[in-house]
């Protein structure tokens, strides 16, 4: 009996030892198998985690705004809406044509209604360029960027003598823009559309009154943040990161959309120097200078001092009344005998006279637009606080 018990115990202990040995060996085997599987799947996991989860499109507004740039911008925005999850606009422009700027504004607004739109300002986003980026969800700027100049300019219309041998189908066919009243109405309408867009998209962030916005003042980037025309000091990378976060992307693919091949031209030296374009030209305001007496006026959204000629001074809808109040009235100089001095200053006097004349006509006609006086912006604050 004792031998049987001992034998049974030995067998039981042997089985236990065998099980323990099998367990140890199996555990080691499982570890080896796990490591092998892990090493096999790790590269795949890393590759999978590195895959972009969406796209951020980068669109540039570089150089003077004209019809060609507006068409190129529309093409890029259409592509971005179809393929990207967010858009970053890189603005480096001093504005340009009013109609082209409005077309670009419409494209930005349409895009911002579908996906996040963030702007980063390079050398400048002035006048028509600021109009373009106004619907952005956030605007980043550099401290030295030029921002603002919210207003419209146009050469004052010059009347032409009707041709006796020329037939017309209406009385306005012989005038440049249907008469002074229609010209100033158009100028005021464009200004109000521009100002209204800024107030609509930036109103809750503006720290200045609507009247101050309408003065067409330009600001440095740092000052623009303080007054609410921009949101934050930052660069393109900051704009991309914010746009990605707004679109819910953790690892976005950044796609730079390339405009149609063109050598951008620049009115502002600051934007010319800030441009990264391989080919570019600095033209000042020459490309927008108007020398067509009696022709249709060219409405511009450009900063002050950029465009103007001695023969055709530009009238600003935002400053014309100020000019007429601050400058002296020119009187007839026929009684002076200083012929030499007069000849030396003829060009300047003629330019000032035309500018004052245009300003006085603006005062006379702007107040009667649509049969009512213009809005008293001085008593309106963006946040609704009466002053």
Protein backbone atom coordinates (compact mmCIF):
# COMPACT_ATOMS: atom_id res chain seq x y z
CA UNK A 1 0.00 0.00 0.00
CA UNK A 2 2.69 2.51 0.85
CA UNK A 3 4.46 1.68 -2.43
CA UNK A 4 1.32 2.34 -4.39
CA UNK A 5 0.80 5.65 -2.66
CA UNK A 6 4.39 6.63 -3.25
CA UNK A 7 4.12 5.66 -6.87
CA UNK A 8 0.93 7.66 -7.29
CA UNK A 9 2.49 10.66 -5.64
CA UNK A 10 5.55 10.41 -7.86
CA UNK A 11 3.36 10.24 -10.92
CA UNK A 12 1.32 13.22 -9.74
CA UNK A 13 4.40 15.26 -8.99
CA UNK A 14 5.84 14.32 -12.36
CA UNK A 15 2.72 15.51 -14.09
CA UNK A 16 2.82 18.77 -12.16
CA UNK A 17 6.46 19.29 -13.07
CA UNK A 18 5.66 18.51 -16.69
CA UNK A 19 2.78 20.95 -16.68
CA UNK A 20 4.97 23.64 -15.15
CA UNK A 21 7.69 23.03 -17.71
CA UNK A 22 5.10 23.10 -20.50
CA UNK A 23 3.64 26.35 -19.12
CA UNK A 24 7.02 28.02 -18.98
CA UNK A 25 7.90 26.89 -22.45
CA UNK A 26 4.50 27.90 -23.79
CA UNK A 27 4.74 31.35 -22.17
CA UNK A 28 8.11 31.88 -23.77
CA UNK A 29 6.63 30.72 -27.03
CA UNK A 30 3.69 33.08 -26.67
CA UNK A 31 6.09 35.94 -25.91
CA UNK A 32 8.16 35.14 -28.96
CA UNK A 33 5.05 34.93 -31.12
CA UNK A 34 3.74 38.23 -29.69
CA UNK A 35 7.04 39.96 -30.35
CA UNK A 36 7.10 38.65 -33.88
CA UNK A 37 3.58 39.83 -34.54
CA UNK A 38 4.32 43.20 -32.94
CA UNK A 39 7.45 43.72 -35.01
CA UNK A 40 5.49 42.82 -38.12
CA UNK A 41 2.58 45.13 -37.41
CA UNK A 42 4.54 48.07 -35.95
CA UNK A 43 5.66 49.55 -39.29
CA UNK A 44 2.12 49.22 -40.59
CA UNK A 45 0.76 50.97 -37.51
CA UNK A 46 3.33 53.72 -37.78
CA UNK A 47 2.56 54.18 -41.45
CA UNK A 48 -1.16 54.23 -40.75
CA UNK A 49 -0.80 56.79 -37.96
CA UNK A 50 1.27 59.03 -40.27
CA UNK A 51 -1.44 59.15 -42.91
CA UNK A 52 -3.00 62.64 -43.21
CA UNK A 53 -6.55 62.92 -41.98
CA UNK A 54 -7.48 65.85 -44.22
CA UNK A 55 -6.20 68.74 -46.34
CA UNK A 56 -5.48 72.40 -45.70
CA UNK A 57 -5.24 74.40 -48.93
CA UNK A 58 -2.98 77.46 -49.10
CA UNK A 59 -4.15 80.19 -51.50
CA UNK A 60 -2.14 83.34 -52.22
CA UNK A 61 -3.25 86.89 -52.95
CA UNK A 62 -0.01 88.35 -54.25
CA UNK A 63 0.34 91.68 -56.03
CA UNK A 64 -2.13 94.17 -57.44
CA UNK A 65 -5.72 92.97 -57.75
CA UNK A 66 -7.11 92.94 -61.27
CA UNK A 67 -9.39 90.76 -63.35
CA UNK A 68 -6.71 88.17 -64.04
CA UNK A 69 -5.94 87.68 -60.37
CA UNK A 70 -9.66 87.57 -59.53
CA UNK A 71 -10.21 84.78 -62.08
CA UNK A 72 -7.22 82.83 -60.79
CA UNK A 73 -8.39 83.29 -57.19
CA UNK A 74 -11.89 82.05 -58.08
CA UNK A 75 -10.39 78.94 -59.69
CA UNK A 76 -8.25 78.15 -56.65
CA UNK A 77 -11.12 78.74 -54.20
CA UNK A 78 -13.41 76.48 -56.23
CA UNK A 79 -10.77 73.77 -56.09
CA UNK A 80 -10.29 74.27 -52.35
CA UNK A 81 -14.00 73.97 -51.63
CA UNK A 82 -14.13 70.69 -53.54
CA UNK A 83 -10.96 69.06 -52.20
CA UNK A 84 -9.84 70.67 -48.93
CA UNK A 85 -11.13 70.76 -45.35
CA UNK A 86 -9.84 74.28 -44.63
CA UNK A 87 -8.19 77.20 -46.45
CA UNK A 88 -5.34 79.50 -45.48
CA UNK A 89 -5.08 82.75 -47.46
CA UNK A 90 -1.63 84.30 -47.70
CA UNK A 91 -2.31 88.00 -48.38
CA UNK A 92 0.39 90.27 -49.73
CA UNK A 93 -1.38 93.00 -51.69
CA UNK A 94 -2.17 96.68 -51.61
CA UNK A 95 -5.50 96.22 -53.39
CA UNK A 96 -6.46 97.30 -56.88
CA UNK A 97 -9.61 97.26 -58.97
CA UNK A 98 -12.83 97.63 -56.97
CA UNK A 99 -14.79 95.20 -59.13
CA UNK A 100 -12.04 92.56 -59.00
CA UNK A 101 -11.74 93.01 -55.22
CA UNK A 102 -15.49 92.51 -54.83
CA UNK A 103 -15.33 89.33 -56.92
CA UNK A 104 -12.59 87.96 -54.67
CA UNK A 105 -14.52 88.94 -51.54
CA UNK A 106 -17.50 86.93 -52.81
CA UNK A 107 -15.27 83.89 -53.32
CA UNK A 108 -13.85 84.17 -49.80
CA UNK A 109 -17.33 84.56 -48.30
CA UNK A 110 -18.66 81.57 -50.24
CA UNK A 111 -15.74 79.44 -49.06
CA UNK A 112 -16.01 80.52 -45.41
CA UNK A 113 -19.64 79.41 -45.41
CA UNK A 114 -18.52 75.85 -46.18
CA UNK A 115 -15.11 75.33 -44.56
CA UNK A 116 -12.84 77.26 -42.16
CA UNK A 117 -10.93 80.13 -43.78
CA UNK A 118 -7.91 81.67 -42.02
CA UNK A 119 -5.69 84.49 -43.34
CA UNK A 120 -2.07 85.34 -42.71
CA UNK A 121 -0.87 88.79 -43.85
CA UNK A 122 2.56 89.25 -45.35
CA UNK A 123 3.68 92.72 -46.40
CA UNK A 124 0.16 94.14 -46.57
CA UNK A 125 -3.54 93.48 -46.82
CA UNK A 126 -4.71 96.96 -47.70
CA UNK A 127 -7.92 98.27 -49.25
CA UNK A 128 -9.16 95.76 -51.86
CA UNK A 129 -6.95 93.03 -50.38
CA UNK A 130 -8.51 93.58 -46.95
CA UNK A 131 -11.95 93.47 -48.59
CA UNK A 132 -10.94 90.08 -49.99
CA UNK A 133 -9.98 88.58 -46.61
CA UNK A 134 -12.69 90.21 -44.48
CA UNK A 135 -14.84 87.03 -44.22
CA UNK A 136 -11.92 85.05 -42.71
CA UNK A 137 -12.60 83.24 -39.44
CA UNK A 138 -9.28 84.49 -38.10
CA UNK A 139 -6.63 86.91 -39.37
CA UNK A 140 -2.96 86.62 -38.43
CA UNK A 141 -0.55 89.45 -39.17
CA UNK A 142 3.06 90.38 -38.71
CA UNK A 143 3.83 93.43 -36.53
CA UNK A 144 5.12 95.44 -39.50
CA UNK A 145 2.39 94.49 -41.99
CA UNK A 146 0.19 97.23 -43.49
CA UNK A 147 -3.50 96.66 -42.78
CA UNK A 148 -6.70 98.59 -43.49
CA UNK A 149 -7.29 101.51 -45.88
CA UNK A 150 -10.99 100.69 -46.08
CA UNK A 151 -12.37 102.99 -48.77
CA UNK A 152 -12.81 103.64 -52.49
CA UNK A 153 -11.13 106.05 -54.90
CA UNK A 154 -11.87 107.14 -58.45
CA UNK A 155 -10.79 109.87 -60.88
CA UNK A 156 -13.33 112.68 -60.94
CA UNK A 157 -15.28 112.58 -64.20
CA UNK A 158 -14.39 115.13 -66.85
CA UNK A 159 -17.10 116.41 -69.14
CA UNK A 160 -16.59 116.33 -72.90
CA UNK A 161 -18.16 118.53 -75.50
CA UNK A 162 -20.93 116.79 -77.47
CA UNK A 163 -20.08 116.13 -81.09
CA UNK A 164 -22.46 117.86 -83.49
CA UNK A 165 -22.09 115.03 -85.98
CA UNK A 166 -22.67 112.30 -83.43
CA UNK A 167 -26.07 110.83 -82.71
CA UNK A 168 -26.94 109.41 -79.28
CA UNK A 169 -29.78 107.25 -77.96
CA UNK A 170 -29.96 108.95 -74.58
CA UNK A 171 -28.90 112.15 -72.82
CA UNK A 172 -26.26 110.38 -70.71
CA UNK A 173 -24.36 109.06 -73.71
CA UNK A 174 -22.33 112.27 -73.95
CA UNK A 175 -21.38 112.33 -70.26
CA UNK A 176 -18.73 110.20 -68.63
CA UNK A 177 -20.91 108.50 -66.05
CA UNK A 178 -24.41 109.81 -66.48
CA UNK A 179 -23.67 113.02 -64.63
CA UNK A 180 -22.10 113.97 -61.33
CA UNK A 181 -24.94 112.69 -59.20
CA UNK A 182 -24.71 109.15 -60.55
CA UNK A 183 -20.92 109.16 -60.24
CA UNK A 184 -20.98 110.17 -56.59
CA UNK A 185 -23.82 107.77 -55.90
CA UNK A 186 -21.71 104.94 -57.33
CA UNK A 187 -18.67 106.01 -55.31
CA UNK A 188 -20.68 106.18 -52.09
CA UNK A 189 -22.40 102.86 -52.82
CA UNK A 190 -19.08 101.06 -53.26
CA UNK A 191 -17.72 102.58 -50.07
CA UNK A 192 -20.76 101.52 -48.07
CA UNK A 193 -20.58 97.98 -49.48
CA UNK A 194 -16.91 97.73 -48.46
CA UNK A 195 -17.53 99.20 -45.02
CA UNK A 196 -20.61 97.04 -44.53
CA UNK A 197 -18.63 93.89 -45.31
CA UNK A 198 -15.99 94.77 -42.73
CA UNK A 199 -18.59 95.54 -40.07
CA UNK A 200 -20.53 92.36 -40.86
CA UNK A 201 -17.53 90.07 -40.53
CA UNK A 202 -15.47 91.94 -37.93
CA UNK A 203 -18.11 93.91 -36.02
CA UNK A 204 -18.01 91.91 -32.80
CA UNK A 205 -14.21 92.12 -32.73
CA UNK A 206 -13.72 95.78 -33.64
CA UNK A 207 -12.50 98.08 -30.90
CA UNK A 208 -13.05 101.25 -32.92
CA UNK A 209 -16.21 102.91 -34.18
CA UNK A 210 -17.60 102.46 -37.66
CA UNK A 211 -16.74 106.10 -38.30
CA UNK A 212 -13.06 105.42 -37.54
CA UNK A 213 -13.06 102.41 -39.83
CA UNK A 214 -14.50 104.59 -42.63
CA UNK A 215 -11.60 107.08 -42.48
CA UNK A 216 -9.58 104.64 -44.65
CA UNK A 217 -6.64 104.79 -42.28
CA UNK A 218 -3.86 102.21 -42.61
CA UNK A 219 -2.51 100.45 -39.52
CA UNK A 220 0.58 98.44 -38.71
CA UNK A 221 -0.09 94.81 -37.97
CA UNK A 222 0.40 95.31 -34.24
CA UNK A 223 -2.05 98.22 -34.18
CA UNK A 224 -4.51 96.30 -36.36
CA UNK A 225 -4.70 93.61 -33.67
CA UNK A 226 -5.39 96.26 -31.03
CA UNK A 227 -8.26 97.84 -32.98
CA UNK A 228 -9.73 94.52 -34.08
CA UNK A 229 -8.93 94.51 -37.81
CA UNK A 230 -6.72 91.47 -37.15
CA UNK A 231 -6.84 88.82 -34.44
CA UNK A 232 -3.32 87.81 -33.56
CA UNK A 233 0.35 88.26 -34.35
CA UNK A 234 1.46 85.14 -36.16
CA UNK A 235 2.84 83.60 -39.31
CA UNK A 236 1.68 81.15 -41.95
CA UNK A 237 2.36 78.11 -39.76
CA UNK A 238 0.18 79.52 -36.99
CA UNK A 239 -2.60 80.08 -39.51
CA UNK A 240 -2.30 76.51 -40.83
CA UNK A 241 -2.44 75.04 -37.32
CA UNK A 242 -5.51 77.09 -36.42
CA UNK A 243 -7.28 76.19 -39.67
CA UNK A 244 -6.54 72.49 -39.10
CA UNK A 245 -7.88 72.66 -35.55
CA UNK A 246 -11.04 74.40 -36.75
CA UNK A 247 -11.55 71.62 -39.28
CA UNK A 248 -10.91 68.91 -36.66
CA UNK A 249 -7.68 67.69 -38.27
CA UNK A 250 -4.76 66.26 -36.27
CA UNK A 251 -2.37 65.50 -39.10
CA UNK A 252 -3.36 67.59 -42.14
CA UNK A 253 -1.77 67.51 -45.54
CA UNK A 254 -0.87 71.07 -46.57
CA UNK A 255 -1.50 71.65 -50.27
CA UNK A 256 -0.29 74.89 -51.86
CA UNK A 257 -2.59 75.78 -54.74
CA UNK A 258 -0.66 77.40 -57.57
CA UNK A 259 -2.23 80.32 -59.44
CA UNK A 260 -2.11 80.63 -63.18
CA UNK A 261 1.30 81.59 -64.40
CA UNK A 262 1.65 85.32 -64.12
CA UNK A 263 4.27 87.80 -63.02
CA UNK A 264 2.50 89.79 -60.28
CA UNK A 265 2.90 93.56 -60.24
CA UNK A 266 2.98 95.63 -57.07
CA UNK A 267 1.88 99.14 -56.17
CA UNK A 268 3.38 99.04 -52.67
CA UNK A 269 7.09 98.53 -52.23
CA UNK A 270 6.42 96.67 -48.98
CA UNK A 271 4.38 94.02 -50.78
CA UNK A 272 6.92 93.86 -53.61
CA UNK A 273 9.71 93.14 -51.15
CA UNK A 274 7.61 90.64 -49.19
CA UNK A 275 6.62 88.62 -52.27
CA UNK A 276 8.23 85.25 -52.86
CA UNK A 277 7.29 85.20 -56.55
CA UNK A 278 10.09 84.17 -58.89
CA UNK A 279 9.18 86.92 -61.35
CA UNK A 280 7.59 90.15 -60.22
CA UNK A 281 7.58 93.81 -61.12
CA UNK A 282 7.13 97.04 -59.20
CA UNK A 283 4.91 99.44 -61.12
CA UNK A 284 3.75 101.86 -58.44
CA UNK A 285 0.29 102.99 -59.40
CA UNK A 286 0.98 103.25 -63.13
CA UNK A 287 -1.16 100.29 -64.10
CA UNK A 288 -4.23 101.92 -62.54
CA UNK A 289 -3.58 105.45 -63.77
CA UNK A 290 -6.48 106.69 -65.87
CA UNK A 291 -5.93 108.98 -68.84
CA UNK A 292 -9.16 108.72 -70.76
CA UNK A 293 -10.99 112.07 -70.60
CA UNK A 294 -14.71 111.57 -70.75
CA UNK A 295 -14.38 107.80 -70.30
CA UNK A 296 -15.91 105.66 -67.61
CA UNK A 297 -14.26 106.14 -64.20
CA UNK A 298 -12.04 103.45 -62.76
CA UNK A 299 -13.13 102.68 -59.20
CA UNK A 300 -10.16 101.62 -57.12
CA UNK A 301 -9.61 100.09 -53.71
CA UNK A 302 -6.03 101.16 -53.06
CA UNK A 303 -4.25 103.02 -50.24
CA UNK A 304 -3.88 106.79 -50.40
CA UNK A 305 -0.96 108.20 -52.35
CA UNK A 306 -0.58 105.16 -54.57
CA UNK A 307 -2.36 106.42 -57.68
CA UNK A 308 -2.89 109.93 -59.00
CA UNK A 309 -1.84 112.23 -61.79
CA UNK A 310 -1.69 115.97 -62.17
CA UNK A 311 -4.40 115.89 -64.83
CA UNK A 312 -6.74 113.44 -63.14
CA UNK A 313 -6.66 113.61 -59.35
CA UNK A 314 -8.42 110.80 -57.57
CA UNK A 315 -11.38 111.47 -55.32
CA UNK A 316 -11.86 109.35 -52.23
CA UNK A 317 -15.36 108.70 -50.97
CA UNK A 318 -14.04 108.59 -47.42
CA UNK A 319 -11.99 111.78 -47.44
CA UNK A 320 -13.45 114.13 -50.01
CA UNK A 321 -15.50 116.11 -47.51
CA UNK A 322 -12.48 116.45 -45.23
CA UNK A 323 -10.42 117.84 -48.10
CA UNK A 324 -12.99 120.49 -48.90
CA UNK A 325 -13.17 121.62 -45.28
CA UNK A 326 -9.45 121.71 -44.55
CA UNK A 327 -8.08 123.30 -47.72
CA UNK A 328 -8.40 126.96 -48.64
CA UNK A 329 -10.54 128.05 -51.58
CA UNK A 330 -8.48 129.00 -54.60
CA UNK A 331 -9.09 132.56 -55.77
CA UNK A 332 -8.46 134.15 -59.14
CA UNK A 333 -4.81 135.13 -59.46
CA UNK A 334 -5.17 137.64 -62.30
CA UNK A 335 -4.14 140.65 -60.19
CA UNK A 336 -0.69 139.34 -59.31
CA UNK A 337 2.28 140.29 -61.36
CA UNK A 338 4.41 137.35 -60.24
CA UNK A 339 4.34 135.65 -63.64
CA UNK A 340 7.48 133.62 -63.04
CA UNK A 341 6.25 132.26 -59.72
CA UNK A 342 2.88 131.39 -61.21
CA UNK A 343 4.49 129.44 -64.04
CA UNK A 344 6.55 127.46 -61.53
CA UNK A 345 3.48 126.39 -59.59
CA UNK A 346 0.91 126.03 -62.39
CA UNK A 347 0.89 122.23 -62.32
CA UNK A 348 0.47 122.00 -58.54
CA UNK A 349 -2.24 124.68 -58.49
CA UNK A 350 -4.18 122.98 -61.29
CA UNK A 351 -4.07 119.66 -59.48
CA UNK A 352 -5.20 121.20 -56.20
CA UNK A 353 -7.97 123.11 -57.95
CA UNK A 354 -9.31 119.99 -59.60
CA UNK A 355 -9.11 118.08 -56.33
CA UNK A 356 -10.95 120.83 -54.43
CA UNK A 357 -13.53 121.06 -57.18
CA UNK A 358 -14.16 117.34 -56.99
CA UNK A 359 -14.41 117.47 -53.20
CA UNK A 360 -16.91 120.34 -53.36
CA UNK A 361 -18.97 118.40 -55.88
CA UNK A 362 -18.86 115.38 -53.59
CA UNK A 363 -20.21 117.48 -50.70
CA UNK A 364 -22.96 118.84 -52.89
CA UNK A 365 -24.08 115.50 -54.29
CA UNK A 366 -23.33 112.87 -51.64
CA UNK A 367 -25.78 114.48 -49.23
CA UNK A 368 -28.61 114.08 -51.73
CA UNK A 369 -28.03 110.43 -52.55
CA UNK A 370 -31.32 108.60 -52.89
CA UNK A 371 -33.07 111.77 -51.72
CA UNK A 372 -31.76 111.57 -48.16
CA UNK A 373 -28.66 112.67 -46.21
CA UNK A 374 -25.93 110.06 -45.72
CA UNK A 375 -25.77 108.09 -42.49
CA UNK A 376 -24.16 109.98 -39.63
CA UNK A 377 -21.42 107.48 -38.92
CA UNK A 378 -19.95 109.65 -36.16
CA UNK A 379 -22.79 108.67 -33.86
CA UNK A 380 -22.56 104.96 -34.60
CA UNK A 381 -20.32 102.58 -32.70
CA UNK A 382 -19.91 99.05 -33.98
CA UNK A 383 -20.97 97.52 -30.69
CA UNK A 384 -24.14 99.58 -30.64
CA UNK A 385 -23.02 102.00 -27.96
CA UNK A 386 -24.28 105.47 -28.81
CA UNK A 387 -21.80 108.30 -28.44
